[in-house]
Protein backbone atom coordinates (compact mmCIF):
# COMPACT_ATOMS: atom_id res chain seq x y z
CA MET A 1 10.42 17.56 -20.44
CA SER A 2 9.67 14.31 -19.36
CA VAL A 3 9.75 13.32 -15.86
CA VAL A 4 8.76 9.94 -13.87
CA ILE A 5 7.20 8.67 -10.70
CA SER A 6 10.48 7.80 -8.41
CA GLU A 7 9.00 7.02 -5.82
CA ILE A 8 5.74 6.97 -3.74
CA ALA A 9 6.54 8.23 -0.14
CA VAL A 10 4.33 7.34 2.86
CA ASP A 11 4.14 8.79 6.31
CA CYS A 12 4.22 6.42 9.07
CA GLN A 13 4.89 5.70 12.92
CA ASN A 14 6.61 2.50 12.17
CA PRO A 15 8.58 2.17 8.72
CA MET A 16 9.52 -1.37 9.33
CA LEU A 17 5.98 -2.92 10.32
CA VAL A 18 3.73 -0.87 7.60
CA ALA A 19 7.04 -1.55 4.73
CA LYS A 20 6.60 -5.49 5.60
CA PHE A 21 2.61 -5.76 5.03
CA TRP A 22 3.29 -3.79 1.97
CA CYS A 23 6.08 -6.44 1.15
CA GLU A 24 4.21 -9.51 1.74
CA VAL A 25 0.58 -7.80 0.19
CA LEU A 26 2.88 -6.75 -3.16
CA GLY A 27 5.72 -9.46 -3.35
CA TYR A 28 8.48 -7.01 -2.76
CA GLU A 29 11.49 -6.34 -0.56
CA VAL A 30 12.98 -4.23 1.57
CA ARG A 31 15.59 -2.20 -0.59
CA GLU A 32 17.01 0.34 1.66
CA GLU A 33 16.72 0.69 5.39
CA ALA A 34 17.93 3.77 7.59
CA VAL A 35 17.11 5.43 10.58
CA GLY A 36 13.30 6.13 10.36
CA LEU A 37 12.88 5.08 6.14
CA VAL A 38 12.86 1.84 5.19
CA THR A 39 12.43 1.78 1.24
CA ILE A 40 10.84 -1.29 -0.66
CA GLY A 41 10.96 -2.60 -4.49
CA ARG A 42 10.39 -5.48 -6.92
CA ARG A 43 12.70 -8.71 -6.53
CA GLY A 44 14.87 -7.86 -9.33
CA GLY A 45 13.27 -4.15 -10.46
CA GLY A 46 15.23 -2.07 -12.71
CA PRO A 47 16.44 1.14 -12.99
CA ASN A 48 12.81 2.77 -13.90
CA GLU A 49 11.22 1.19 -10.52
CA VAL A 50 8.99 3.21 -8.88
CA VAL A 51 9.79 1.71 -5.09
CA ILE A 52 7.87 3.10 -2.24
CA CYS A 53 9.28 4.80 0.84
CA PHE A 54 7.91 4.62 4.29
CA ALA A 55 9.11 7.51 6.68
CA GLN A 56 8.72 8.09 10.10
CA VAL A 57 6.84 10.73 11.28
CA PRO A 58 5.88 11.35 15.22
CA GLU A 59 1.85 12.27 14.59
CA LYS A 60 -0.49 9.50 13.91
CA LYS A 61 -3.14 9.60 11.28
CA SER A 62 -5.99 11.82 11.85
CA ILE A 63 -7.56 12.54 8.69
CA LYS A 64 -8.71 10.39 5.36
CA ASN A 65 -6.01 9.97 3.00
CA ARG A 66 -5.79 12.22 -0.23
CA LEU A 67 -3.97 9.42 -2.09
CA HIS A 68 -3.42 6.18 -1.93
CA LEU A 69 -3.03 2.89 -3.58
CA ASP A 70 -5.14 0.41 -6.03
CA LEU A 71 -4.41 -3.16 -6.01
CA ARG A 72 -5.97 -5.19 -9.13
CA PRO A 73 -6.04 -9.11 -8.73
CA GLN A 74 -4.07 -10.74 -11.16
CA ASP A 75 -4.53 -13.86 -10.99
CA THR A 76 -7.00 -14.28 -8.12
CA SER A 77 -10.74 -13.32 -7.33
CA GLN A 78 -10.83 -9.67 -5.74
CA GLN A 79 -12.67 -11.53 -2.85
CA ASP A 80 -9.72 -14.08 -2.63
CA GLU A 81 -6.78 -11.29 -2.58
CA ILE A 82 -9.54 -9.21 -0.02
CA ASP A 83 -9.37 -12.20 2.20
CA ARG A 84 -5.45 -12.30 1.95
CA VAL A 85 -4.64 -9.08 2.87
CA LEU A 86 -7.22 -8.93 5.56
CA ALA A 87 -4.74 -11.88 7.17
CA LEU A 88 -1.76 -10.08 6.66
CA GLY A 89 -3.09 -7.39 8.70
CA ALA A 90 -5.31 -5.26 6.82
CA GLN A 91 -8.95 -3.82 8.13
CA TYR A 92 -11.88 -2.47 6.73
CA ALA A 93 -12.25 0.48 5.62
CA ASP A 94 -15.26 3.04 5.76
CA VAL A 95 -14.39 6.17 3.98
CA GLY A 96 -18.52 6.80 2.90
CA GLN A 97 -18.30 4.51 0.33
CA ASP A 98 -21.61 2.32 -0.76
CA ASP A 99 -22.17 -0.93 -1.42
CA ASN A 100 -22.44 -0.58 -5.17
CA GLU A 101 -18.87 0.36 -5.73
CA ASP A 102 -17.06 -2.24 -7.82
CA TRP A 103 -13.84 -1.53 -5.27
CA VAL A 104 -13.30 -2.28 -1.75
CA VAL A 105 -11.51 0.17 0.75
CA LEU A 106 -9.46 -1.36 3.52
CA TYR A 107 -6.89 0.00 5.78
CA ASP A 108 -3.16 -0.83 6.30
CA PRO A 109 -1.56 -1.53 9.86
CA GLU A 110 -1.59 2.30 10.50
CA GLY A 111 -4.69 3.20 8.91
CA ASN A 112 -3.58 4.05 5.15
CA GLU A 113 -6.36 3.65 3.05
CA PHE A 114 -6.03 1.27 0.03
CA CYS A 115 -8.47 -0.05 -2.83
CA VAL A 116 -8.95 -3.85 -4.31
CA LEU A 117 -10.37 -3.53 -7.00
CA SER A 118 -12.79 -6.00 -9.21
CA GLY A 119 -11.20 -5.96 -12.40
CA SER A 120 -9.32 -4.01 -14.74
CA ILE A 121 -10.41 -0.35 -14.70
């Protein structure tokens, strides 16, 4: 049997707010919009593309995510990428990491954690 990841689903209270943030961060575009659901993907993405779906839920986020995205800067430094996403609305997050880590943990506009890596893993 063969399977692929089709989409990453993110629960949130304001799907368009979070989708717009991630479109700016990743250079994606809104692909579909319905009541309570926004799907984003790469500009010109193909049939095997993994999209991100933001689904509206009534409750606020209350605990640390068990799954998160790691961003690896391609043509810029880690600090430049951190500065860019902070300007887009991200915030620093403290999830118990120490100062010796090679990544920086941030929150998106609804408090979902993500990391900016220092380089390739």
